[in-house]
Amino acid sequence: MLNDKKYDVCRTRLDNGLVVVSEKMAQVRSVTFGVFLRSGSRLEAASQNGLTHFIEHALFKGTGKRNAAQIAAESDALGGNLDAFTGREFVGYYNKILDEHLPRAFELIADLVTGPSFDPAEMKKERNVVLEEIKMVEDTPDDIVFDLFCESFYPDHPLGRPILGTPRTLSTFKPDVIRSYYDRIYRPENLLIAAAGNLEHAQLIDLAGQYFGQLAPGQGDFNLTPPEAAYPIVLRSKPDLEQSHLVIGSQCPSAVSDDRYAVNLMNVILGGGMSSRLFQSVREDRGLVYTIFSSTSPYKDCGYLSIYAAASTGQLPETMEATMAELKKIKAGPVSAEELLRNKDQLKASLMLNLESTSSRMSSLATQEMIFGCFISPDQIISRVDAVTAEDVQRLAIELFQPEKMAVTVLGDLDGFTLDRSDLEC
């Protein structure tokens, strides 16, 4: 067992390979805990697209001990917030409860994760639920445009496919297909238990051993193939939209890169808030858009930085021009000492404020374990942010924002709008 004295963080690996991490926060009365799968939709073959997300739904539809209604009733009786998510690299099932309810809440999630029944009738109903979820995304243009961007940026790769899957792939998810894929990936060495709050690590180890200790390790490794990024310009017409939705993207450092702090800081400077360069220039100074921001999407071995804006089609050319002007500016010279310090303070404040709740502390513990295999303290993170220089930001901007290595997706009533590579000069 490893222990970080200052932050009361402990880590234990069970004999079957399952890792348990926890942080004691004695000043609170709650505990947030989760069971995480170390592989998300990225592991799927093309024919399996959406299966990881579907299994996440399916685990709530009944086990050998409980039906779906009993799961919901027991969760509500605990007064917690039982939920789940599927990402491209991770899946999580988590709950926030009073500390005294941890044993009951833990047993409930353990039952969901280790004992699903995959009842055919329930699977048929849940397939319809996910189809409705897909339709909901299709009615949300800012979601659609990012799916289109990913599809073109990472072509023929799981990272480029929608997490929810498609109606066609969903139709193939019969109970035997679901069970086979579940058995392949839900094995102890691919699971993680994380918790933060008013609990003892020994209690968590006892619960993990009781409900997960019987699981046997699986066979074979999960080999992840890095994607090869492409840089197309995609213009997709959707005449019923009032605005056109724009995503500009380029590759950025991975989640484990030494440059991860520098790219996060550059992202804050560019489009991370109301004082950011893009917000001030494109929205406040020119009044071209209501929404504009930048974000990073880092994975274990790759990543991309994207800029999103929504504007009327007639203002798209000027929006593009204004955005490229800001990219050119951040490449042209180091940011000032004042701007660098201000954005470092913003980034550090957001990091620290996000660590005040048991939910965020648990999420941070889990993410660090799944990506780095260890705990990274807030002090270490702040030190790395402080170490970023203006020259680091400029160097990354020059590396990332090259016209031939930038992809663009536009969705809307294009009305004759065109875009070519020369419009990406910056």
Protein backbone atom coordinates (compact mmCIF):
# COMPACT_ATOMS: atom_id res chain seq x y z
CA MET A 1 0.00 0.00 0.00
CA LEU A 2 1.27 3.46 -0.91
CA ASN A 3 0.36 6.49 1.19
CA ASP A 4 0.78 10.24 0.58
CA LYS A 5 1.08 11.69 4.10
CA LYS A 6 0.17 15.30 3.40
CA TYR A 7 -2.98 14.55 1.44
CA ASP A 8 -3.95 11.27 3.15
CA VAL A 9 -4.05 9.50 -0.20
CA CYS A 10 -3.67 5.72 -0.24
CA ARG A 11 -3.31 3.21 -3.07
CA THR A 12 -3.60 -0.58 -2.92
CA ARG A 13 -3.51 -3.24 -5.61
CA LEU A 14 -5.51 -6.40 -4.88
CA ASP A 15 -4.15 -9.83 -5.79
CA ASN A 16 -6.36 -9.97 -8.90
CA GLY A 17 -4.98 -6.68 -10.25
CA LEU A 18 -7.78 -4.32 -9.22
CA VAL A 19 -6.45 -1.00 -7.88
CA VAL A 20 -8.09 0.91 -5.03
CA VAL A 21 -7.26 4.58 -4.35
CA SER A 22 -8.74 6.86 -1.71
CA GLU A 23 -8.32 10.22 -0.04
CA LYS A 24 -9.62 10.85 3.46
CA MET A 25 -11.31 14.23 4.00
CA ALA A 26 -12.16 14.16 7.70
CA GLN A 27 -13.85 17.57 7.65
CA VAL A 28 -16.84 16.37 5.58
CA ARG A 29 -19.75 13.98 6.18
CA SER A 30 -19.99 12.64 2.65
CA VAL A 31 -18.15 10.13 0.50
CA THR A 32 -17.98 10.07 -3.28
CA PHE A 33 -16.79 6.80 -4.75
CA GLY A 34 -16.69 5.26 -8.17
CA VAL A 35 -15.90 2.10 -10.06
CA PHE A 36 -14.05 2.92 -13.27
CA LEU A 37 -13.29 0.97 -16.40
CA ARG A 38 -9.89 1.80 -17.85
CA SER A 39 -11.10 1.49 -21.45
CA GLY A 40 -13.84 3.50 -23.15
CA SER A 41 -15.28 3.58 -26.65
CA ARG A 42 -11.75 3.81 -28.05
CA LEU A 43 -11.34 0.05 -27.67
CA GLU A 44 -14.26 -0.76 -29.97
CA ALA A 45 -14.01 -2.14 -33.49
CA ALA A 46 -16.08 -0.31 -36.11
CA SER A 47 -18.85 -2.91 -35.87
CA GLN A 48 -18.94 -2.45 -32.08
CA ASN A 49 -19.29 1.34 -32.17
CA GLY A 50 -21.49 2.37 -29.25
CA LEU A 51 -21.26 -0.96 -27.40
CA THR A 52 -19.30 0.41 -24.44
CA HIS A 53 -21.91 3.11 -23.89
CA PHE A 54 -24.74 0.62 -24.35
CA ILE A 55 -23.28 -1.66 -21.69
CA GLU A 56 -23.09 1.32 -19.32
CA HIS A 57 -26.86 1.73 -19.79
CA ALA A 58 -27.48 -2.02 -19.60
CA LEU A 59 -25.88 -2.41 -16.17
CA PHE A 60 -28.72 -0.35 -14.67
CA LYS A 61 -31.41 -2.61 -16.16
CA GLY A 62 -31.07 -5.53 -13.80
CA THR A 63 -28.72 -7.99 -12.11
CA GLY A 64 -29.08 -11.46 -10.70
CA LYS A 65 -30.26 -9.87 -7.42
CA ARG A 66 -32.20 -6.76 -8.50
CA ASN A 67 -34.41 -5.59 -11.33
CA ALA A 68 -34.22 -2.07 -12.76
CA ALA A 69 -36.96 -0.74 -10.48
CA GLN A 70 -35.26 -2.11 -7.38
CA ILE A 71 -31.95 -0.54 -8.41
CA ALA A 72 -33.64 2.85 -8.76
CA ALA A 73 -35.54 2.49 -5.48
CA GLU A 74 -32.46 1.49 -3.47
CA SER A 75 -30.43 4.30 -4.98
CA ASP A 76 -33.08 6.88 -4.08
CA ALA A 77 -33.40 5.45 -0.57
CA LEU A 78 -29.71 6.17 -0.01
CA GLY A 79 -30.31 9.81 -0.88
CA GLY A 80 -27.25 9.87 -3.11
CA ASN A 81 -26.48 10.73 -6.70
CA LEU A 82 -25.94 7.44 -8.53
CA ASP A 83 -24.82 8.07 -12.09
CA ALA A 84 -22.51 6.87 -14.85
CA PHE A 85 -20.70 8.11 -17.94
CA THR A 86 -18.91 6.71 -20.97
CA GLY A 87 -15.92 8.50 -22.44
CA ARG A 88 -13.54 7.62 -25.22
CA GLU A 89 -10.92 6.25 -22.81
CA PHE A 90 -12.79 5.61 -19.55
CA VAL A 91 -16.18 4.55 -18.15
CA GLY A 92 -17.34 5.45 -14.66
CA TYR A 93 -20.11 4.45 -12.23
CA TYR A 94 -20.21 6.68 -9.17
CA ASN A 95 -22.28 7.85 -6.22
CA LYS A 96 -22.11 10.56 -3.57
CA ILE A 97 -23.64 9.54 -0.26
CA LEU A 98 -23.46 10.15 3.48
CA ASP A 99 -20.43 8.39 4.95
CA GLU A 100 -22.65 6.04 6.99
CA HIS A 101 -24.23 4.72 3.78
CA LEU A 102 -20.97 3.72 2.09
CA PRO A 103 -21.31 -0.06 2.62
CA ARG A 104 -24.83 -0.20 1.17
CA ALA A 105 -24.03 2.14 -1.72
CA PHE A 106 -20.83 0.25 -2.51
CA GLU A 107 -22.65 -3.09 -2.62
CA LEU A 108 -25.23 -1.63 -5.01
CA ILE A 109 -22.68 -0.40 -7.55
CA ALA A 110 -20.64 -3.58 -7.15
CA ASP A 111 -23.74 -5.61 -8.01
CA LEU A 112 -24.38 -3.50 -11.12
CA VAL A 113 -20.81 -3.85 -12.35
CA THR A 114 -20.21 -7.52 -11.54
CA GLY A 115 -23.63 -9.14 -11.90
CA PRO A 116 -25.61 -7.77 -14.88
CA SER A 117 -28.33 -10.02 -16.27
CA PHE A 118 -28.59 -8.49 -19.78
CA ASP A 119 -32.23 -9.57 -19.98
CA PRO A 120 -33.29 -9.62 -23.68
CA ALA A 121 -36.53 -7.72 -23.05
CA GLU A 122 -34.72 -5.02 -21.08
CA MET A 123 -32.01 -4.77 -23.75
CA LYS A 124 -34.64 -4.20 -26.42
CA LYS A 125 -36.20 -1.37 -24.41
CA GLU A 126 -32.82 0.19 -23.64
CA ARG A 127 -31.89 0.10 -27.31
CA ASN A 128 -34.84 2.40 -27.95
CA VAL A 129 -33.70 4.68 -25.12
CA VAL A 130 -30.24 5.05 -26.67
CA LEU A 131 -31.79 5.68 -30.09
CA GLU A 132 -33.67 8.58 -28.52
CA GLU A 133 -30.40 9.81 -27.02
CA ILE A 134 -28.84 9.76 -30.49
CA LYS A 135 -31.80 11.73 -31.87
CA MET A 136 -31.34 14.28 -29.07
CA VAL A 137 -27.73 14.80 -30.17
CA GLU A 138 -28.87 15.14 -33.78
CA ASP A 139 -31.12 18.00 -32.64
CA THR A 140 -28.16 19.76 -31.01
CA PRO A 141 -25.95 21.33 -33.68
CA ASP A 142 -23.05 22.16 -31.37
CA ASP A 143 -22.86 18.44 -30.54
CA ILE A 144 -23.20 17.39 -34.17
CA VAL A 145 -20.41 19.66 -35.36
CA PHE A 146 -17.95 18.19 -32.86
CA ASP A 147 -18.90 14.64 -33.88
CA LEU A 148 -18.36 15.62 -37.52
CA PHE A 149 -15.04 17.23 -36.64
CA CYS A 150 -13.78 14.14 -34.77
CA GLU A 151 -14.90 11.86 -37.59
CA SER A 152 -12.86 13.82 -40.13
CA PHE A 153 -9.89 14.56 -37.82
CA TYR A 154 -9.42 10.91 -36.76
CA PRO A 155 -10.77 9.04 -39.83
CA ASP A 156 -11.28 5.27 -39.56
CA HIS A 157 -10.27 5.29 -35.90
CA PRO A 158 -12.36 4.71 -32.74
CA LEU A 159 -11.52 8.21 -31.45
CA GLY A 160 -13.30 9.59 -34.49
CA ARG A 161 -16.51 7.65 -33.97
CA PRO A 162 -19.45 8.82 -31.85
CA ILE A 163 -19.52 7.40 -28.34
CA LEU A 164 -23.24 6.64 -28.65
CA GLY A 165 -22.81 4.57 -31.80
CA THR A 166 -25.28 4.62 -34.68
CA PRO A 167 -28.73 3.13 -35.28
CA ARG A 168 -27.09 0.55 -37.53
CA THR A 169 -24.55 -0.66 -34.96
CA LEU A 170 -27.12 -0.57 -32.15
CA SER A 171 -29.32 -2.99 -34.10
CA THR A 172 -26.57 -5.64 -33.86
CA PHE A 173 -26.21 -5.53 -30.06
CA LYS A 174 -27.92 -8.78 -29.14
CA PRO A 175 -27.53 -10.22 -25.61
CA ASP A 176 -24.77 -12.65 -26.65
CA VAL A 177 -22.78 -9.82 -28.29
CA ILE A 178 -23.23 -7.65 -25.21
CA ARG A 179 -22.20 -10.43 -22.82
CA SER A 180 -19.13 -11.35 -24.86
CA TYR A 181 -17.81 -7.79 -24.94
CA TYR A 182 -18.63 -7.25 -21.25
CA ASP A 183 -16.69 -10.39 -20.31
CA ARG A 184 -13.73 -9.19 -22.32
CA ILE A 185 -13.33 -5.76 -20.74
CA TYR A 186 -14.95 -5.90 -17.28
CA ARG A 187 -12.13 -7.75 -15.58
CA PRO A 188 -10.32 -6.76 -12.39
CA GLU A 189 -7.04 -5.53 -13.88
CA ASN A 190 -9.09 -3.20 -16.10
CA LEU A 191 -11.10 -1.80 -13.17
CA LEU A 192 -10.34 0.91 -10.63
CA ILE A 193 -12.10 1.85 -7.41
CA ALA A 194 -11.64 5.45 -6.24
CA ALA A 195 -13.12 7.30 -3.27
CA ALA A 196 -12.77 10.60 -1.44
CA GLY A 197 -14.44 11.83 1.71
CA ASN A 198 -14.92 10.77 5.31
CA LEU A 199 -13.75 7.17 5.03
CA GLU A 200 -10.87 4.92 6.00
CA HIS A 201 -8.82 3.27 3.27
CA ALA A 202 -8.97 -0.02 5.17
CA GLN A 203 -12.77 0.03 4.96
CA LEU A 204 -12.60 0.55 1.20
CA ILE A 205 -10.13 -2.32 0.83
CA ASP A 206 -12.45 -4.60 2.81
CA LEU A 207 -15.41 -3.68 0.60
CA ALA A 208 -13.37 -4.10 -2.58
CA GLY A 209 -12.14 -7.50 -1.46
CA GLN A 210 -15.64 -8.62 -0.47
CA TYR A 211 -17.36 -7.66 -3.72
CA PHE A 212 -14.57 -7.70 -6.34
CA GLY A 213 -11.97 -10.06 -4.87
CA GLN A 214 -13.57 -13.11 -6.49
CA LEU A 215 -13.09 -11.75 -10.02
CA ALA A 216 -10.42 -13.57 -12.00
CA PRO A 217 -7.98 -11.67 -14.25
CA GLY A 218 -8.58 -11.94 -17.98
CA GLN A 219 -6.36 -12.99 -20.83
CA GLY A 220 -4.72 -10.73 -23.40
CA ASP A 221 -3.77 -7.09 -23.49
CA PHE A 222 -5.73 -4.08 -24.68
CA ASN A 223 -3.65 -2.74 -27.54
CA LEU A 224 -4.45 0.85 -28.46
CA THR A 225 -3.44 2.07 -31.90
CA PRO A 226 -2.58 5.78 -32.06
CA PRO A 227 -4.66 7.65 -34.64
CA GLU A 228 -3.26 9.40 -37.67
CA ALA A 229 -4.76 12.86 -37.76
CA ALA A 230 -6.14 14.30 -40.99
CA TYR A 231 -6.71 17.96 -41.74
CA PRO A 232 -9.71 18.33 -44.06
CA ILE A 233 -12.03 21.28 -44.51
CA VAL A 234 -15.57 19.94 -44.12
CA LEU A 235 -18.59 22.08 -45.02
CA ARG A 236 -21.88 20.41 -44.12
CA SER A 237 -25.14 22.06 -45.14
CA LYS A 238 -28.06 22.07 -42.69
CA PRO A 239 -30.46 24.75 -44.01
CA ASP A 240 -32.82 24.68 -41.03
CA LEU A 241 -30.20 26.15 -38.66
CA GLU A 242 -30.30 29.83 -37.73
CA GLN A 243 -26.54 29.92 -37.11
CA SER A 244 -23.54 28.19 -38.60
CA HIS A 245 -21.36 26.24 -36.20
CA LEU A 246 -17.60 26.29 -36.67
CA VAL A 247 -14.84 24.09 -35.25
CA ILE A 248 -11.17 24.71 -36.01
CA GLY A 249 -8.73 22.16 -34.65
CA SER A 250 -5.14 20.98 -34.60
CA GLN A 251 -3.16 18.31 -32.83
CA CYS A 252 -1.96 19.15 -29.32
CA PRO A 253 0.17 17.41 -26.67
CA SER A 254 -1.19 14.24 -25.11
CA ALA A 255 -2.42 13.88 -21.53
CA VAL A 256 1.01 12.58 -20.46
CA SER A 257 3.17 15.04 -22.41
CA ASP A 258 5.53 17.35 -20.55
CA ASP A 259 3.85 20.16 -22.51
CA ARG A 260 0.39 19.46 -21.06
CA TYR A 261 0.56 22.39 -18.64
CA ALA A 262 1.80 24.78 -21.31
CA VAL A 263 -0.97 23.83 -23.74
CA ASN A 264 -3.58 24.20 -21.00
CA LEU A 265 -2.28 27.67 -20.26
CA MET A 266 -2.25 28.59 -23.94
CA ASN A 267 -5.84 27.36 -24.17
CA VAL A 268 -6.88 29.65 -21.30
CA ILE A 269 -5.15 32.60 -22.95
CA LEU A 270 -6.82 31.93 -26.30
CA GLY A 271 -10.36 31.01 -25.37
CA GLY A 272 -10.70 29.97 -21.76
CA GLY A 273 -12.94 32.72 -20.43
CA MET A 274 -14.43 36.17 -20.85
CA SER A 275 -11.02 37.87 -20.73
CA SER A 276 -9.52 35.50 -23.29
CA ARG A 277 -8.17 36.83 -26.57
CA LEU A 278 -10.79 35.19 -28.78
CA PHE A 279 -13.71 36.26 -26.60
CA GLN A 280 -12.50 39.84 -26.37
CA SER A 281 -11.59 40.19 -30.04
CA VAL A 282 -14.27 38.21 -31.87
CA ARG A 283 -17.22 38.83 -29.57
CA GLU A 284 -16.58 41.97 -27.53
CA ASP A 285 -14.64 44.10 -30.03
CA ARG A 286 -16.28 42.98 -33.28
CA GLY A 287 -19.64 41.64 -32.09
CA LEU A 288 -19.50 38.73 -34.55
CA VAL A 289 -20.60 35.88 -32.27
CA TYR A 290 -22.39 35.13 -29.04
CA THR A 291 -20.32 32.03 -28.25
CA ILE A 292 -16.64 31.43 -28.88
CA PHE A 293 -14.21 29.36 -26.85
CA SER A 294 -11.27 27.01 -27.14
CA SER A 295 -10.73 23.68 -25.42
CA THR A 296 -8.28 20.79 -25.30
CA SER A 297 -9.16 17.11 -25.67
CA PRO A 298 -6.10 15.16 -24.50
CA TYR A 299 -5.84 11.37 -24.70
CA LYS A 300 -3.12 8.99 -23.55
CA ASP A 301 -1.15 9.15 -26.80
CA CYS A 302 -2.59 12.10 -28.73
CA GLY A 303 -4.88 15.09 -28.41
CA TYR A 304 -6.37 18.06 -30.15
CA LEU A 305 -7.05 21.70 -29.41
CA SER A 306 -10.26 23.08 -30.87
CA ILE A 307 -11.87 26.48 -31.28
CA TYR A 308 -15.66 26.61 -31.45
CA ALA A 309 -17.80 29.53 -32.59
CA ALA A 310 -21.40 30.01 -33.67
CA ALA A 311 -22.26 32.87 -36.02
CA SER A 312 -24.69 33.79 -38.74
CA THR A 313 -23.43 32.49 -42.07
CA GLY A 314 -22.96 36.01 -43.41
CA GLN A 315 -20.47 36.73 -40.62
CA LEU A 316 -18.49 33.51 -40.97
CA PRO A 317 -15.77 34.99 -43.23
CA GLU A 318 -15.06 37.80 -40.78
CA THR A 319 -15.24 35.38 -37.85
CA MET A 320 -12.63 33.20 -39.55
CA GLU A 321 -10.46 36.22 -40.30
CA ALA A 322 -10.65 37.50 -36.72
CA THR A 323 -9.85 34.06 -35.31
CA MET A 324 -6.85 33.59 -37.60
CA ALA A 325 -5.61 37.05 -36.60
CA GLU A 326 -5.53 35.97 -32.95
CA LEU A 327 -3.68 32.76 -33.81
CA LYS A 328 -1.16 34.77 -35.80
CA LYS A 329 -0.74 37.15 -32.88
CA ILE A 330 -0.04 34.43 -30.31
CA LYS A 331 2.54 32.92 -32.68
CA ALA A 332 4.23 36.24 -33.41
CA GLY A 333 5.60 37.04 -29.97
CA PRO A 334 5.63 35.97 -26.31
CA VAL A 335 2.63 36.96 -24.21
CA SER A 336 3.31 39.76 -21.76
CA ALA A 337 4.34 39.03 -18.19
CA GLU A 338 1.05 40.52 -16.95
CA GLU A 339 -1.11 38.40 -19.26
CA LEU A 340 0.88 35.27 -18.44
CA LEU A 341 0.50 35.81 -14.69
CA ARG A 342 -3.20 36.64 -14.94
CA ASN A 343 -3.95 33.48 -16.90
CA LYS A 344 -1.80 31.34 -14.64
CA ASP A 345 -3.82 32.63 -11.70
CA GLN A 346 -7.05 31.80 -13.54
CA LEU A 347 -5.86 28.28 -14.38
CA LYS A 348 -4.62 27.60 -10.86
CA ALA A 349 -7.81 28.97 -9.31
CA SER A 350 -9.97 26.71 -11.47
CA LEU A 351 -7.82 23.71 -10.56
CA MET A 352 -7.95 24.43 -6.84
CA LEU A 353 -11.66 25.31 -6.69
CA ASN A 354 -12.39 22.04 -8.45
CA LEU A 355 -10.72 20.19 -5.59
CA GLU A 356 -12.96 21.46 -2.80
CA SER A 357 -15.66 18.78 -3.10
CA THR A 358 -15.47 15.04 -2.55
CA SER A 359 -16.78 14.50 -6.09
CA SER A 360 -13.99 16.46 -7.76
CA ARG A 361 -11.31 14.98 -5.49
CA MET A 362 -12.49 11.47 -6.30
CA SER A 363 -12.61 12.24 -10.02
CA SER A 364 -9.09 13.68 -9.90
CA LEU A 365 -7.76 10.63 -8.06
CA ALA A 366 -9.33 8.28 -10.59
CA THR A 367 -8.14 10.21 -13.62
CA GLN A 368 -4.57 10.46 -12.35
CA GLU A 369 -4.45 6.76 -11.57
CA MET A 370 -5.81 5.75 -14.98
CA ILE A 371 -3.50 8.07 -16.92
CA PHE A 372 -0.32 8.20 -14.81
CA GLY A 373 -0.65 5.31 -12.38
CA CYS A 374 0.07 7.58 -9.42
CA PHE A 375 -1.20 10.52 -7.37
CA ILE A 376 -0.14 14.02 -8.46
CA SER A 377 -0.65 16.52 -5.66
CA PRO A 378 -2.15 19.99 -6.13
CA ASP A 379 1.22 21.41 -5.05
CA GLN A 380 2.96 19.56 -7.88
CA ILE A 381 0.39 20.75 -10.41
CA ILE A 382 0.67 24.39 -9.32
CA SER A 383 4.46 24.16 -9.48
CA ARG A 384 4.27 22.88 -13.07
CA VAL A 385 1.84 25.64 -14.07
CA ASP A 386 4.10 28.28 -12.50
CA ALA A 387 7.05 26.89 -14.47
CA VAL A 388 5.44 27.55 -17.87
CA THR A 389 7.10 30.46 -19.66
CA ALA A 390 5.88 32.88 -22.30
CA GLU A 391 8.34 31.23 -24.66
CA ASP A 392 6.72 27.83 -24.01
CA VAL A 393 3.34 29.24 -25.03
CA GLN A 394 4.74 30.83 -28.18
CA ARG A 395 6.65 27.67 -29.14
CA LEU A 396 3.50 25.55 -28.86
CA ALA A 397 1.44 28.08 -30.81
CA ILE A 398 3.96 27.96 -33.65
CA GLU A 399 3.92 24.14 -33.61
CA LEU A 400 0.14 23.80 -33.47
CA PHE A 401 -1.20 26.54 -35.68
CA GLN A 402 0.14 25.67 -39.10
CA PRO A 403 -2.39 26.10 -41.95
CA GLU A 404 -1.55 22.73 -43.48
CA LYS A 405 -2.06 21.00 -40.11
CA MET A 406 -5.40 22.52 -39.15
CA ALA A 407 -8.81 20.99 -39.74
CA VAL A 408 -12.10 22.88 -40.03
CA THR A 409 -15.71 21.73 -39.85
CA VAL A 410 -18.64 24.05 -40.53
CA LEU A 411 -22.28 23.05 -40.06
CA GLY A 412 -25.17 25.32 -40.99
CA ASP A 413 -27.16 27.05 -43.69
CA LEU A 414 -24.02 27.73 -45.70
CA ASP A 415 -25.77 29.78 -48.42
CA GLY A 416 -22.78 29.78 -50.76
CA PHE A 417 -20.12 30.04 -48.03
CA THR A 418 -16.78 28.61 -49.14
CA LEU A 419 -13.49 28.04 -47.37
CA ASP A 420 -10.08 26.94 -48.57
CA ARG A 421 -6.64 26.41 -47.09
CA SER A 422 -5.53 29.98 -47.75
CA ASP A 423 -8.21 31.17 -45.30
CA LEU A 424 -6.26 29.40 -42.54
CA GLU A 425 -3.12 31.48 -42.93
CA CYS A 426 -2.08 32.66 -39.50
